[in-house]
N, C-alpha and C. Protein backbone atom coordinates (compact mmCIF):
# COMPACT_ATOMS: atom_id res chain seq x y z
N MET A 1 11.13 64.84 -87.27
CA MET A 1 10.10 63.82 -87.49
C MET A 1 10.52 62.90 -88.66
N ILE A 2 10.18 61.69 -88.66
CA ILE A 2 10.43 60.72 -89.73
C ILE A 2 9.26 60.71 -90.66
N VAL A 3 9.48 60.80 -92.00
CA VAL A 3 8.41 60.83 -92.95
C VAL A 3 8.55 59.59 -93.89
N PHE A 4 7.46 58.81 -93.95
CA PHE A 4 7.42 57.66 -94.86
C PHE A 4 6.60 58.05 -96.07
N ASP A 5 6.96 57.50 -97.22
CA ASP A 5 6.13 57.72 -98.44
C ASP A 5 4.88 56.89 -98.37
N LYS A 6 3.97 57.13 -99.32
CA LYS A 6 2.69 56.45 -99.33
C LYS A 6 2.87 54.91 -99.43
N ASN A 7 3.79 54.50 -100.26
CA ASN A 7 4.02 53.07 -100.46
C ASN A 7 4.49 52.39 -99.20
N SER A 8 5.43 53.04 -98.49
CA SER A 8 5.98 52.44 -97.25
C SER A 8 4.92 52.38 -96.13
N GLN A 9 4.13 53.46 -96.09
CA GLN A 9 3.06 53.48 -95.11
C GLN A 9 2.06 52.32 -95.36
N GLN A 10 1.72 52.11 -96.66
CA GLN A 10 0.79 51.05 -96.96
C GLN A 10 1.36 49.69 -96.70
N GLN A 11 2.68 49.51 -96.91
CA GLN A 11 3.33 48.22 -96.62
C GLN A 11 3.28 47.94 -95.13
N LEU A 12 3.51 49.01 -94.34
CA LEU A 12 3.48 48.81 -92.86
C LEU A 12 2.08 48.40 -92.40
N ILE A 13 1.07 49.09 -92.99
CA ILE A 13 -0.29 48.77 -92.64
C ILE A 13 -0.66 47.36 -93.04
N ASP A 14 -0.30 46.97 -94.23
CA ASP A 14 -0.60 45.60 -94.73
C ASP A 14 0.13 44.55 -93.91
N LEU A 15 1.33 44.82 -93.55
CA LEU A 15 2.14 43.91 -92.78
C LEU A 15 1.45 43.66 -91.41
N ASN A 16 0.89 44.72 -90.80
CA ASN A 16 0.23 44.59 -89.52
C ASN A 16 -1.07 43.75 -89.70
N LYS A 17 -1.78 43.95 -90.82
CA LYS A 17 -3.03 43.26 -91.03
C LYS A 17 -2.73 41.79 -91.34
N SER A 18 -1.76 41.50 -92.12
CA SER A 18 -1.53 40.12 -92.51
C SER A 18 -0.69 39.33 -91.52
N LYS A 19 0.32 39.92 -90.94
CA LYS A 19 1.27 39.17 -90.07
C LYS A 19 1.13 39.60 -88.61
N ASN A 20 0.29 40.64 -88.34
CA ASN A 20 0.11 41.16 -87.01
C ASN A 20 1.50 41.60 -86.42
N ILE A 21 2.29 42.22 -87.29
CA ILE A 21 3.59 42.77 -86.92
C ILE A 21 3.52 44.27 -87.01
N ALA A 22 3.81 45.00 -85.92
CA ALA A 22 3.68 46.45 -85.87
C ALA A 22 5.03 47.01 -85.35
N LEU A 23 5.12 48.28 -85.58
CA LEU A 23 6.31 48.97 -85.06
C LEU A 23 6.32 48.96 -83.51
N GLU A 24 7.51 48.94 -82.94
CA GLU A 24 7.66 48.94 -81.52
C GLU A 24 8.75 49.96 -81.16
N GLY A 25 8.61 50.46 -79.91
CA GLY A 25 9.64 51.36 -79.38
C GLY A 25 9.26 52.78 -79.60
N ASN A 26 10.18 53.64 -79.28
CA ASN A 26 9.93 55.09 -79.35
C ASN A 26 9.95 55.61 -80.78
N ILE A 27 10.33 54.78 -81.74
CA ILE A 27 10.40 55.24 -83.15
C ILE A 27 9.01 55.67 -83.65
N ALA A 28 7.96 54.98 -83.09
CA ALA A 28 6.60 55.29 -83.52
C ALA A 28 6.15 56.71 -83.11
N LYS A 29 6.78 57.22 -82.08
CA LYS A 29 6.42 58.55 -81.59
C LYS A 29 7.05 59.65 -82.47
N VAL A 30 8.02 59.40 -83.31
CA VAL A 30 8.68 60.41 -84.10
C VAL A 30 8.36 60.30 -85.59
N ILE A 31 7.28 59.52 -85.91
CA ILE A 31 6.92 59.37 -87.32
C ILE A 31 5.78 60.40 -87.63
N ASN A 32 5.89 61.04 -88.79
CA ASN A 32 4.91 62.07 -89.23
C ASN A 32 3.74 61.36 -89.83
N THR A 33 2.52 61.62 -89.31
CA THR A 33 1.30 60.94 -89.79
C THR A 33 0.23 61.95 -90.22
N SER A 34 0.60 63.21 -90.49
CA SER A 34 -0.34 64.26 -90.75
C SER A 34 -1.04 64.11 -92.11
N ASP A 35 -0.42 63.48 -93.09
CA ASP A 35 -0.95 63.40 -94.42
C ASP A 35 -1.77 62.14 -94.67
N ASN A 36 -1.92 61.24 -93.69
CA ASN A 36 -2.59 59.95 -93.96
C ASN A 36 -3.32 59.59 -92.65
N GLY A 37 -4.72 59.62 -92.74
CA GLY A 37 -5.43 59.28 -91.52
C GLY A 37 -5.33 57.82 -91.18
N GLU A 38 -5.34 56.96 -92.16
CA GLU A 38 -5.22 55.51 -91.87
C GLU A 38 -3.86 55.20 -91.26
N PHE A 39 -2.82 55.86 -91.78
CA PHE A 39 -1.46 55.56 -91.24
C PHE A 39 -1.33 56.08 -89.77
N LYS A 40 -2.09 57.27 -89.59
CA LYS A 40 -2.10 57.82 -88.24
C LYS A 40 -2.72 56.83 -87.22
N GLU A 41 -3.88 56.20 -87.68
CA GLU A 41 -4.48 55.21 -86.86
C GLU A 41 -3.53 54.04 -86.59
N TYR A 42 -2.79 53.66 -87.63
CA TYR A 42 -1.85 52.58 -87.50
C TYR A 42 -0.76 52.94 -86.44
N ILE A 43 -0.21 54.18 -86.54
CA ILE A 43 0.85 54.61 -85.62
C ILE A 43 0.28 54.66 -84.20
N ASP A 44 -0.97 55.22 -84.07
CA ASP A 44 -1.56 55.24 -82.75
C ASP A 44 -1.72 53.82 -82.17
N TYR A 45 -2.10 52.90 -83.04
CA TYR A 45 -2.24 51.52 -82.64
C TYR A 45 -0.89 50.97 -82.17
N CYS A 46 0.14 51.30 -82.97
CA CYS A 46 1.46 50.80 -82.64
C CYS A 46 1.98 51.38 -81.29
N ILE A 47 1.66 52.64 -81.08
CA ILE A 47 2.07 53.30 -79.83
C ILE A 47 1.33 52.66 -78.66
N THR A 48 -0.01 52.49 -78.84
CA THR A 48 -0.82 51.89 -77.78
C THR A 48 -0.36 50.43 -77.46
N LYS A 49 -0.17 49.68 -78.60
CA LYS A 49 0.29 48.31 -78.42
C LYS A 49 1.68 48.24 -77.73
N ASP A 50 2.55 49.15 -78.17
CA ASP A 50 3.88 49.16 -77.54
C ASP A 50 3.78 49.51 -76.05
N ARG A 51 2.82 50.45 -75.71
CA ARG A 51 2.65 50.82 -74.33
C ARG A 51 2.12 49.61 -73.50
N ASP A 52 1.15 48.92 -74.17
CA ASP A 52 0.63 47.78 -73.49
C ASP A 52 1.68 46.69 -73.30
N VAL A 53 2.48 46.50 -74.33
CA VAL A 53 3.53 45.50 -74.26
C VAL A 53 4.54 45.86 -73.17
N ARG A 54 4.89 47.18 -73.14
CA ARG A 54 5.83 47.64 -72.12
C ARG A 54 5.28 47.42 -70.71
N ARG A 55 3.93 47.77 -70.63
CA ARG A 55 3.31 47.63 -69.32
C ARG A 55 3.27 46.16 -68.86
N ARG A 56 2.94 45.29 -69.85
CA ARG A 56 2.94 43.87 -69.49
C ARG A 56 4.32 43.34 -69.14
N ARG A 57 5.31 43.88 -69.92
CA ARG A 57 6.67 43.46 -69.61
C ARG A 57 7.09 43.90 -68.22
N LEU A 58 6.67 45.20 -67.95
CA LEU A 58 7.02 45.70 -66.58
C LEU A 58 6.33 44.90 -65.47
N ASP A 59 5.00 44.64 -65.77
CA ASP A 59 4.28 43.82 -64.77
C ASP A 59 4.96 42.43 -64.64
N MET A 60 5.33 41.87 -65.74
CA MET A 60 5.98 40.56 -65.71
C MET A 60 7.31 40.64 -64.98
N THR A 61 8.03 41.76 -65.26
CA THR A 61 9.28 41.96 -64.59
C THR A 61 9.08 42.07 -63.09
N LYS A 62 8.11 42.88 -62.74
CA LYS A 62 7.78 43.07 -61.31
C LYS A 62 7.37 41.72 -60.67
N GLN A 63 6.55 41.01 -61.43
CA GLN A 63 6.10 39.66 -60.92
C GLN A 63 7.24 38.71 -60.74
N VAL A 64 8.20 38.75 -61.78
CA VAL A 64 9.34 37.89 -61.68
C VAL A 64 10.23 38.30 -60.57
N GLN A 65 10.40 39.65 -60.39
CA GLN A 65 11.20 40.10 -59.29
C GLN A 65 10.59 39.72 -57.95
N SER A 66 9.22 39.89 -57.87
CA SER A 66 8.55 39.48 -56.62
C SER A 66 8.74 37.99 -56.37
N GLN A 67 8.60 37.22 -57.45
CA GLN A 67 8.79 35.79 -57.31
C GLN A 67 10.21 35.47 -56.90
N ASN A 68 11.16 36.20 -57.55
CA ASN A 68 12.54 36.01 -57.21
C ASN A 68 12.80 36.35 -55.73
N LYS A 69 12.18 37.43 -55.29
CA LYS A 69 12.34 37.81 -53.87
C LYS A 69 11.74 36.75 -52.95
N GLU A 70 10.53 36.25 -53.37
CA GLU A 70 9.91 35.22 -52.57
C GLU A 70 10.80 33.94 -52.58
N LEU A 71 11.33 33.62 -53.73
CA LEU A 71 12.19 32.44 -53.80
C LEU A 71 13.45 32.65 -52.95
N SER A 72 13.98 33.92 -53.03
CA SER A 72 15.17 34.18 -52.21
C SER A 72 14.85 34.11 -50.74
N ASP A 73 13.65 34.67 -50.35
CA ASP A 73 13.23 34.54 -48.96
C ASP A 73 13.03 33.08 -48.57
N LEU A 74 12.42 32.34 -49.50
CA LEU A 74 12.20 30.90 -49.21
C LEU A 74 13.55 30.18 -49.09
N ASN A 75 14.47 30.59 -49.97
CA ASN A 75 15.78 29.97 -49.91
C ASN A 75 16.45 30.27 -48.60
N LEU A 76 16.38 31.55 -48.17
CA LEU A 76 16.95 31.89 -46.85
C LEU A 76 16.25 31.14 -45.71
N GLU A 77 14.95 31.06 -45.84
CA GLU A 77 14.18 30.32 -44.80
C GLU A 77 14.59 28.86 -44.80
N ASN A 78 14.73 28.30 -46.01
CA ASN A 78 15.16 26.91 -46.13
C ASN A 78 16.56 26.72 -45.52
N GLN A 79 17.45 27.68 -45.79
CA GLN A 79 18.77 27.60 -45.22
C GLN A 79 18.71 27.66 -43.71
N ARG A 80 17.86 28.61 -43.18
CA ARG A 80 17.71 28.69 -41.73
C ARG A 80 17.15 27.39 -41.16
N ILE A 81 16.13 26.84 -41.88
CA ILE A 81 15.52 25.62 -41.33
C ILE A 81 16.57 24.46 -41.43
N MET A 82 17.37 24.42 -42.50
CA MET A 82 18.39 23.41 -42.61
C MET A 82 19.45 23.53 -41.52
N ILE A 83 19.81 24.78 -41.20
CA ILE A 83 20.76 25.01 -40.08
C ILE A 83 20.20 24.54 -38.73
N GLU A 84 18.89 24.93 -38.50
CA GLU A 84 18.22 24.50 -37.31
C GLU A 84 18.09 22.99 -37.28
N LEU A 85 17.78 22.40 -38.41
CA LEU A 85 17.65 20.96 -38.49
C LEU A 85 19.01 20.25 -38.22
N GLN A 86 20.05 20.87 -38.75
CA GLN A 86 21.35 20.28 -38.49
C GLN A 86 21.71 20.42 -37.02
N HIS A 87 21.37 21.55 -36.42
CA HIS A 87 21.60 21.71 -34.95
C HIS A 87 20.81 20.67 -34.20
N THR A 88 19.55 20.51 -34.65
CA THR A 88 18.71 19.54 -33.97
C THR A 88 19.29 18.08 -34.10
N LEU A 89 19.74 17.79 -35.33
CA LEU A 89 20.35 16.48 -35.54
C LEU A 89 21.58 16.31 -34.67
N ASP A 90 22.38 17.38 -34.60
CA ASP A 90 23.59 17.33 -33.76
C ASP A 90 23.22 17.10 -32.28
N SER A 91 22.13 17.81 -31.87
CA SER A 91 21.71 17.67 -30.49
C SER A 91 21.18 16.26 -30.23
N VAL A 92 20.40 15.77 -31.21
CA VAL A 92 19.88 14.36 -31.09
C VAL A 92 21.02 13.40 -31.06
N GLU A 93 22.03 13.55 -31.88
CA GLU A 93 23.19 12.68 -31.90
C GLU A 93 23.93 12.75 -30.60
N GLU A 94 24.11 13.97 -30.09
CA GLU A 94 24.78 14.11 -28.79
C GLU A 94 23.95 13.46 -27.65
N SER A 95 22.63 13.69 -27.74
CA SER A 95 21.78 13.05 -26.69
C SER A 95 21.82 11.54 -26.83
N LYS A 96 21.88 11.05 -28.03
CA LYS A 96 21.96 9.61 -28.27
C LYS A 96 23.25 9.09 -27.70
N THR A 97 24.35 9.81 -27.92
CA THR A 97 25.64 9.37 -27.37
C THR A 97 25.63 9.38 -25.87
N GLN A 98 25.03 10.46 -25.30
CA GLN A 98 24.92 10.50 -23.82
C GLN A 98 24.08 9.36 -23.26
N ILE A 99 22.95 9.07 -23.95
CA ILE A 99 22.10 8.01 -23.55
C ILE A 99 22.80 6.67 -23.62
N GLU A 100 23.56 6.45 -24.69
CA GLU A 100 24.31 5.23 -24.82
C GLU A 100 25.36 5.12 -23.69
N MET A 101 26.03 6.25 -23.37
CA MET A 101 27.01 6.21 -22.31
C MET A 101 26.30 5.93 -20.94
N GLN A 102 25.17 6.57 -20.76
CA GLN A 102 24.43 6.30 -19.51
C GLN A 102 23.93 4.88 -19.43
N ASN A 103 23.51 4.37 -20.58
CA ASN A 103 23.12 2.93 -20.58
C ASN A 103 24.28 2.01 -20.27
N LYS A 104 25.47 2.35 -20.85
CA LYS A 104 26.63 1.54 -20.52
C LYS A 104 26.98 1.65 -19.05
N GLU A 105 26.92 2.87 -18.47
CA GLU A 105 27.19 3.04 -17.06
C GLU A 105 26.17 2.31 -16.23
N LEU A 106 24.89 2.39 -16.67
CA LEU A 106 23.83 1.67 -15.95
C LEU A 106 24.02 0.15 -15.96
N ILE A 107 24.41 -0.37 -17.12
CA ILE A 107 24.68 -1.76 -17.25
C ILE A 107 25.84 -2.20 -16.35
N ALA A 108 26.92 -1.36 -16.40
CA ALA A 108 28.10 -1.63 -15.55
C ALA A 108 27.73 -1.59 -14.07
N TRP A 109 26.86 -0.57 -13.71
CA TRP A 109 26.42 -0.46 -12.32
C TRP A 109 25.63 -1.68 -11.89
N LYS A 110 24.72 -2.12 -12.80
CA LYS A 110 23.92 -3.33 -12.46
C LYS A 110 24.80 -4.55 -12.32
N GLU A 111 25.82 -4.66 -13.22
CA GLU A 111 26.73 -5.81 -13.14
C GLU A 111 27.53 -5.75 -11.84
N ASP A 112 27.99 -4.53 -11.45
CA ASP A 112 28.69 -4.41 -10.19
C ASP A 112 27.80 -4.76 -9.01
N ASN A 113 26.53 -4.30 -9.05
CA ASN A 113 25.64 -4.60 -7.93
C ASN A 113 25.34 -6.08 -7.87
N GLN A 114 25.16 -6.71 -9.05
CA GLN A 114 24.94 -8.15 -9.07
C GLN A 114 26.13 -8.91 -8.52
N ARG A 115 27.38 -8.46 -8.94
CA ARG A 115 28.56 -9.10 -8.41
C ARG A 115 28.69 -8.90 -6.90
N ILE A 116 28.45 -7.66 -6.43
CA ILE A 116 28.52 -7.41 -5.01
C ILE A 116 27.49 -8.22 -4.27
N SER A 117 26.26 -8.33 -4.87
CA SER A 117 25.19 -9.11 -4.21
C SER A 117 25.62 -10.59 -4.12
N GLU A 118 26.18 -11.10 -5.22
CA GLU A 118 26.65 -12.48 -5.17
C GLU A 118 27.76 -12.65 -4.15
N GLU A 119 28.72 -11.74 -4.14
CA GLU A 119 29.78 -11.84 -3.15
C GLU A 119 29.22 -11.75 -1.72
N LEU A 120 28.27 -10.82 -1.52
CA LEU A 120 27.64 -10.69 -0.19
C LEU A 120 26.89 -11.98 0.16
N HIS A 121 26.20 -12.56 -0.80
CA HIS A 121 25.48 -13.82 -0.52
C HIS A 121 26.46 -14.94 -0.17
N VAL A 122 27.56 -15.02 -0.90
CA VAL A 122 28.59 -16.00 -0.54
C VAL A 122 29.15 -15.76 0.82
N ALA A 123 29.44 -14.46 1.11
CA ALA A 123 30.02 -14.09 2.43
C ALA A 123 29.00 -14.43 3.55
N MET A 124 27.71 -14.14 3.31
CA MET A 124 26.67 -14.50 4.31
C MET A 124 26.59 -16.02 4.48
N SER A 125 26.67 -16.71 3.39
CA SER A 125 26.64 -18.18 3.52
C SER A 125 27.82 -18.69 4.31
N LYS A 126 29.02 -18.16 4.01
CA LYS A 126 30.21 -18.52 4.79
C LYS A 126 30.06 -18.16 6.24
N SER A 127 29.56 -16.93 6.49
CA SER A 127 29.33 -16.50 7.86
C SER A 127 28.34 -17.38 8.60
N GLU A 128 27.27 -17.74 7.88
CA GLU A 128 26.28 -18.64 8.51
C GLU A 128 26.88 -20.02 8.81
N SER A 129 27.67 -20.49 7.83
CA SER A 129 28.34 -21.77 8.05
C SER A 129 29.31 -21.68 9.24
N ALA A 130 30.05 -20.56 9.28
CA ALA A 130 31.00 -20.37 10.41
C ALA A 130 30.27 -20.28 11.74
N ARG A 131 29.05 -19.58 11.73
CA ARG A 131 28.27 -19.45 12.94
C ARG A 131 27.75 -20.82 13.38
N LEU A 132 27.29 -21.59 12.39
CA LEU A 132 26.80 -22.93 12.77
C LEU A 132 27.96 -23.80 13.32
N GLU A 133 29.11 -23.69 12.65
CA GLU A 133 30.28 -24.46 13.13
C GLU A 133 30.65 -24.02 14.54
N ALA A 134 30.60 -22.67 14.73
CA ALA A 134 30.98 -22.16 16.07
C ALA A 134 29.98 -22.64 17.15
N GLU A 135 28.64 -22.59 16.74
CA GLU A 135 27.63 -23.09 17.69
C GLU A 135 27.80 -24.56 17.96
N ASN A 136 28.12 -25.34 16.92
CA ASN A 136 28.29 -26.77 17.07
C ASN A 136 29.53 -27.00 17.97
N ALA A 137 30.62 -26.21 17.67
CA ALA A 137 31.83 -26.38 18.53
C ALA A 137 31.53 -25.98 19.94
N LYS A 138 30.73 -24.86 20.12
CA LYS A 138 30.39 -24.43 21.48
C LYS A 138 29.56 -25.49 22.15
N GLN A 139 28.57 -26.04 21.43
CA GLN A 139 27.73 -27.09 22.04
C GLN A 139 28.55 -28.33 22.37
N ALA A 140 29.48 -28.65 21.48
CA ALA A 140 30.34 -29.82 21.78
C ALA A 140 31.19 -29.56 22.95
N ALA A 141 31.77 -28.30 23.04
CA ALA A 141 32.60 -27.98 24.20
C ALA A 141 31.77 -27.99 25.48
N MET A 142 30.53 -27.46 25.39
CA MET A 142 29.67 -27.47 26.59
C MET A 142 29.33 -28.88 26.98
N ASN A 143 29.08 -29.74 25.98
CA ASN A 143 28.78 -31.13 26.29
C ASN A 143 29.99 -31.78 26.93
N ASP A 144 31.17 -31.52 26.32
CA ASP A 144 32.39 -32.11 26.88
C ASP A 144 32.63 -31.61 28.32
N LEU A 145 32.38 -30.29 28.51
CA LEU A 145 32.57 -29.68 29.86
C LEU A 145 31.55 -30.29 30.83
N ASP A 146 30.33 -30.46 30.31
CA ASP A 146 29.32 -31.07 31.19
C ASP A 146 29.67 -32.48 31.57
N LEU A 147 30.09 -33.22 30.56
CA LEU A 147 30.54 -34.60 30.84
C LEU A 147 31.70 -34.62 31.82
N LEU A 148 32.68 -33.67 31.59
CA LEU A 148 33.81 -33.63 32.50
C LEU A 148 33.41 -33.26 33.88
N GLN A 149 32.48 -32.24 34.00
CA GLN A 149 31.99 -31.88 35.33
C GLN A 149 31.27 -33.04 36.00
N LYS A 150 30.40 -33.71 35.20
CA LYS A 150 29.69 -34.84 35.76
C LYS A 150 30.66 -35.97 36.20
N LYS A 151 31.66 -36.15 35.31
CA LYS A 151 32.69 -37.16 35.67
C LYS A 151 33.42 -36.80 36.92
N SER A 152 33.76 -35.47 36.93
CA SER A 152 34.53 -34.98 38.12
C SER A 152 33.66 -35.11 39.38
N GLN A 153 32.39 -34.68 39.23
CA GLN A 153 31.50 -34.78 40.37
C GLN A 153 31.26 -36.22 40.80
N THR A 154 31.13 -37.10 39.80
CA THR A 154 30.93 -38.49 40.14
C THR A 154 32.12 -39.05 40.82
N GLU A 155 33.32 -38.69 40.27
CA GLU A 155 34.56 -39.25 40.94
C GLU A 155 34.73 -38.65 42.35
N LEU A 156 34.37 -37.31 42.50
CA LEU A 156 34.46 -36.70 43.81
C LEU A 156 33.52 -37.30 44.78
N ILE A 157 32.26 -37.55 44.32
CA ILE A 157 31.22 -38.12 45.18
C ILE A 157 31.66 -39.55 45.56
N GLY A 158 32.18 -40.26 44.50
CA GLY A 158 32.61 -41.64 44.83
C GLY A 158 33.76 -41.62 45.87
N THR A 159 34.68 -40.69 45.72
CA THR A 159 35.78 -40.62 46.66
C THR A 159 35.29 -40.25 48.07
N ILE A 160 34.37 -39.25 48.13
CA ILE A 160 33.85 -38.83 49.46
C ILE A 160 33.08 -39.97 50.09
N VAL A 161 32.26 -40.66 49.25
CA VAL A 161 31.52 -41.83 49.81
C VAL A 161 32.48 -42.87 50.28
N LYS A 162 33.48 -43.17 49.50
CA LYS A 162 34.44 -44.20 49.90
C LYS A 162 35.17 -43.82 51.21
N VAL A 163 35.60 -42.54 51.27
CA VAL A 163 36.31 -42.10 52.49
C VAL A 163 35.34 -42.19 53.73
N ALA A 164 34.12 -41.67 53.46
CA ALA A 164 33.16 -41.70 54.58
C ALA A 164 32.86 -43.14 55.06
N LEU A 165 32.62 -43.98 54.11
CA LEU A 165 32.36 -45.39 54.45
C LEU A 165 33.58 -46.05 55.13
N GLY A 166 34.75 -45.63 54.54
CA GLY A 166 36.00 -46.17 55.19
C GLY A 166 36.15 -45.71 56.62
N VAL A 167 35.87 -44.45 56.87
CA VAL A 167 35.95 -43.92 58.25
C VAL A 167 34.96 -44.59 59.12
N ILE A 168 33.69 -44.72 58.62
CA ILE A 168 32.61 -45.33 59.44
C ILE A 168 32.98 -46.77 59.76
N ILE A 169 33.37 -47.51 58.70
CA ILE A 169 33.70 -48.91 58.90
C ILE A 169 34.89 -49.06 59.85
N THR A 170 35.91 -48.21 59.64
CA THR A 170 37.10 -48.29 60.51
C THR A 170 36.76 -47.99 61.96
N VAL A 171 35.97 -46.89 62.19
CA VAL A 171 35.60 -46.56 63.53
C VAL A 171 34.72 -47.67 64.14
N GLY A 172 33.76 -48.20 63.31
CA GLY A 172 32.91 -49.26 63.80
C GLY A 172 33.71 -50.51 64.14
N ILE A 173 34.69 -50.85 63.32
CA ILE A 173 35.48 -52.04 63.59
C ILE A 173 36.31 -51.81 64.89
N ILE A 174 36.94 -50.62 65.01
CA ILE A 174 37.76 -50.39 66.22
C ILE A 174 36.87 -50.45 67.45
N THR A 175 35.71 -49.79 67.38
CA THR A 175 34.84 -49.82 68.54
C THR A 175 34.34 -51.23 68.89
N THR A 176 34.00 -51.95 67.85
CA THR A 176 33.55 -53.35 68.08
C THR A 176 34.64 -54.20 68.72
N ILE A 177 35.89 -54.02 68.17
CA ILE A 177 37.02 -54.77 68.72
C ILE A 177 37.24 -54.42 70.19
N MET A 178 37.17 -53.15 70.51
CA MET A 178 37.34 -52.74 71.95
C MET A 178 36.23 -53.31 72.76
N TYR A 179 34.98 -53.32 72.24
CA TYR A 179 33.89 -53.85 73.00
C TYR A 179 34.07 -55.35 73.25
N MET A 180 34.48 -56.11 72.21
CA MET A 180 34.73 -57.55 72.36
C MET A 180 35.87 -57.88 73.30
N ILE A 181 36.88 -57.02 73.27
CA ILE A 181 38.05 -57.24 74.16
C ILE A 181 37.56 -57.07 75.60
N SER A 182 36.69 -56.08 75.78
CA SER A 182 36.21 -55.87 77.17
C SER A 182 35.39 -57.05 77.62
N LEU A 183 34.59 -57.64 76.71
CA LEU A 183 33.81 -58.81 77.05
C LEU A 183 34.66 -59.97 77.44
N PHE A 184 35.76 -60.23 76.65
CA PHE A 184 36.64 -61.37 76.94
C PHE A 184 37.41 -61.14 78.23
N MET A 185 37.67 -59.94 78.59
CA MET A 185 38.46 -59.67 79.82
C MET A 185 37.56 -59.50 81.01
N ASN A 186 36.25 -59.77 80.82
CA ASN A 186 35.30 -59.68 81.88
C ASN A 186 35.35 -58.33 82.60
N LYS A 187 35.47 -57.36 81.81
CA LYS A 187 35.48 -55.99 82.33
C LYS A 187 34.06 -55.44 82.29
N ASP A 188 33.84 -54.31 82.91
CA ASP A 188 32.56 -53.65 82.88
C ASP A 188 32.32 -53.11 81.50
N THR A 189 31.29 -53.68 80.80
CA THR A 189 31.09 -53.28 79.41
C THR A 189 29.91 -52.31 79.26
N GLN A 190 29.43 -51.87 80.41
CA GLN A 190 28.28 -50.94 80.28
C GLN A 190 28.68 -49.62 79.63
N ILE A 191 29.83 -49.12 80.10
CA ILE A 191 30.25 -47.80 79.54
C ILE A 191 30.69 -47.98 78.06
N ILE A 192 31.41 -49.14 77.78
CA ILE A 192 31.88 -49.34 76.42
C ILE A 192 30.67 -49.61 75.49
N GLY A 193 29.62 -50.33 76.00
CA GLY A 193 28.41 -50.62 75.18
C GLY A 193 27.71 -49.35 74.81
N SER A 194 27.54 -48.46 75.85
CA SER A 194 26.84 -47.21 75.54
C SER A 194 27.67 -46.36 74.58
N THR A 195 28.94 -46.41 74.80
CA THR A 195 29.85 -45.63 73.88
C THR A 195 29.79 -46.18 72.46
N TRP A 196 29.75 -47.51 72.39
CA TRP A 196 29.68 -48.16 71.09
C TRP A 196 28.41 -47.82 70.36
N SER A 197 27.27 -47.84 71.14
CA SER A 197 25.96 -47.50 70.52
C SER A 197 25.93 -46.05 70.07
N ASN A 198 26.45 -45.16 70.99
CA ASN A 198 26.49 -43.75 70.59
C ASN A 198 27.37 -43.51 69.38
N MET A 199 28.49 -44.18 69.35
CA MET A 199 29.43 -43.99 68.25
C MET A 199 28.74 -44.42 66.93
N PHE A 200 28.07 -45.60 66.97
CA PHE A 200 27.38 -46.09 65.75
C PHE A 200 26.32 -45.06 65.32
N GLY A 201 25.56 -44.53 66.33
CA GLY A 201 24.52 -43.55 66.01
C GLY A 201 25.09 -42.31 65.37
N ILE A 202 26.21 -41.84 65.97
CA ILE A 202 26.87 -40.62 65.41
C ILE A 202 27.41 -40.87 63.99
N LEU A 203 28.00 -42.08 63.80
CA LEU A 203 28.59 -42.43 62.49
C LEU A 203 27.48 -42.53 61.44
N LEU A 204 26.34 -43.13 61.81
CA LEU A 204 25.24 -43.26 60.84
C LEU A 204 24.65 -41.91 60.54
N THR A 205 24.50 -41.08 61.59
CA THR A 205 23.96 -39.74 61.35
C THR A 205 24.88 -38.93 60.46
N ASN A 206 26.21 -38.99 60.70
CA ASN A 206 27.16 -38.24 59.83
C ASN A 206 27.16 -38.80 58.42
N ALA A 207 27.02 -40.11 58.31
CA ALA A 207 27.02 -40.78 56.96
C ALA A 207 25.84 -40.24 56.17
N PHE A 208 24.64 -40.26 56.80
CA PHE A 208 23.42 -39.72 56.09
C PHE A 208 23.59 -38.25 55.79
N SER A 209 24.20 -37.48 56.68
CA SER A 209 24.45 -36.05 56.45
C SER A 209 25.34 -35.84 55.26
N ILE A 210 26.38 -36.63 55.17
CA ILE A 210 27.34 -36.53 54.05
C ILE A 210 26.63 -36.84 52.72
N ILE A 211 25.84 -37.97 52.74
CA ILE A 211 25.11 -38.37 51.54
C ILE A 211 24.13 -37.27 51.12
N GLY A 212 23.39 -36.71 52.10
CA GLY A 212 22.43 -35.65 51.79
C GLY A 212 23.09 -34.39 51.24
N THR A 213 24.25 -34.06 51.82
CA THR A 213 25.02 -32.91 51.27
C THR A 213 25.48 -33.11 49.87
N ILE A 214 25.95 -34.32 49.58
CA ILE A 214 26.42 -34.66 48.22
C ILE A 214 25.27 -34.58 47.22
N MET A 215 24.09 -35.13 47.58
CA MET A 215 22.94 -35.09 46.67
C MET A 215 22.48 -33.62 46.45
N GLY A 216 22.50 -32.79 47.55
CA GLY A 216 22.17 -31.38 47.35
C GLY A 216 23.09 -30.65 46.46
N VAL A 217 24.40 -30.91 46.59
CA VAL A 217 25.36 -30.27 45.74
C VAL A 217 25.14 -30.71 44.27
N LYS A 218 24.85 -31.99 44.03
CA LYS A 218 24.61 -32.47 42.70
C LYS A 218 23.39 -31.85 42.07
N TYR A 219 22.30 -31.76 42.87
CA TYR A 219 21.07 -31.11 42.39
C TYR A 219 21.29 -29.63 42.07
N ALA A 220 22.03 -28.93 42.90
CA ALA A 220 22.37 -27.50 42.66
C ALA A 220 23.17 -27.35 41.41
N SER A 221 24.09 -28.25 41.13
CA SER A 221 24.90 -28.19 39.91
C SER A 221 24.04 -28.38 38.71
N LYS A 222 23.05 -29.28 38.74
CA LYS A 222 22.13 -29.46 37.62
C LYS A 222 21.33 -28.20 37.37
N GLU A 223 20.87 -27.52 38.44
CA GLU A 223 20.07 -26.32 38.28
C GLU A 223 20.92 -25.20 37.63
N ASN A 224 22.17 -25.06 38.04
CA ASN A 224 23.05 -24.06 37.47
C ASN A 224 23.31 -24.33 36.00
N ASN A 225 23.52 -25.57 35.67
CA ASN A 225 23.73 -25.91 34.19
C ASN A 225 22.53 -25.60 33.36
N SER A 226 21.31 -25.86 33.95
CA SER A 226 20.09 -25.50 33.18
C SER A 226 20.00 -23.98 32.96
């Protein structure tokens, strides 16, 4: 045990009263206080105060440790959140890149479609122009063919009419000449007269038949063209 003299004990007591400074630590537990009741109270006070101080320090230490653990947990959580945020940002950046690429492809596709549409429109215009030209050429060819057919028919009809009239006139002239010769020669003209009349009747009938046939052929040609 540690023994202090009366003077030292009183100085320690006065120091505590004036400066509020007391002994700390385990040293207070090994001091002999049997000869002085006031000093014993002082040592008990020092021991109690030291215990309280130690308890507060322990509580503070525990609180600090708890706060440090919470801060550490928060730090870990912040790190996890930062990693997730970075992953999210990377995903967003990748999505943005993909969207930009898709937009570029969409723009290129629209441009290609517009170009193809313009080329198709031009091709359709050319095709329509070619069709109109072909129809005009066909119509012109049909008109030319119709004119040629009409001209050929007209020429053929004219030729047939001329030949028919020539035959009729020739036969009529020959028959008339024979009839006149018979009259001048005082021959019997009864047979020649009847023959002449019959011949003229036959020639006129054939002439009208030829003309009717020609008109029928011309009308049938018009119906076929329509």
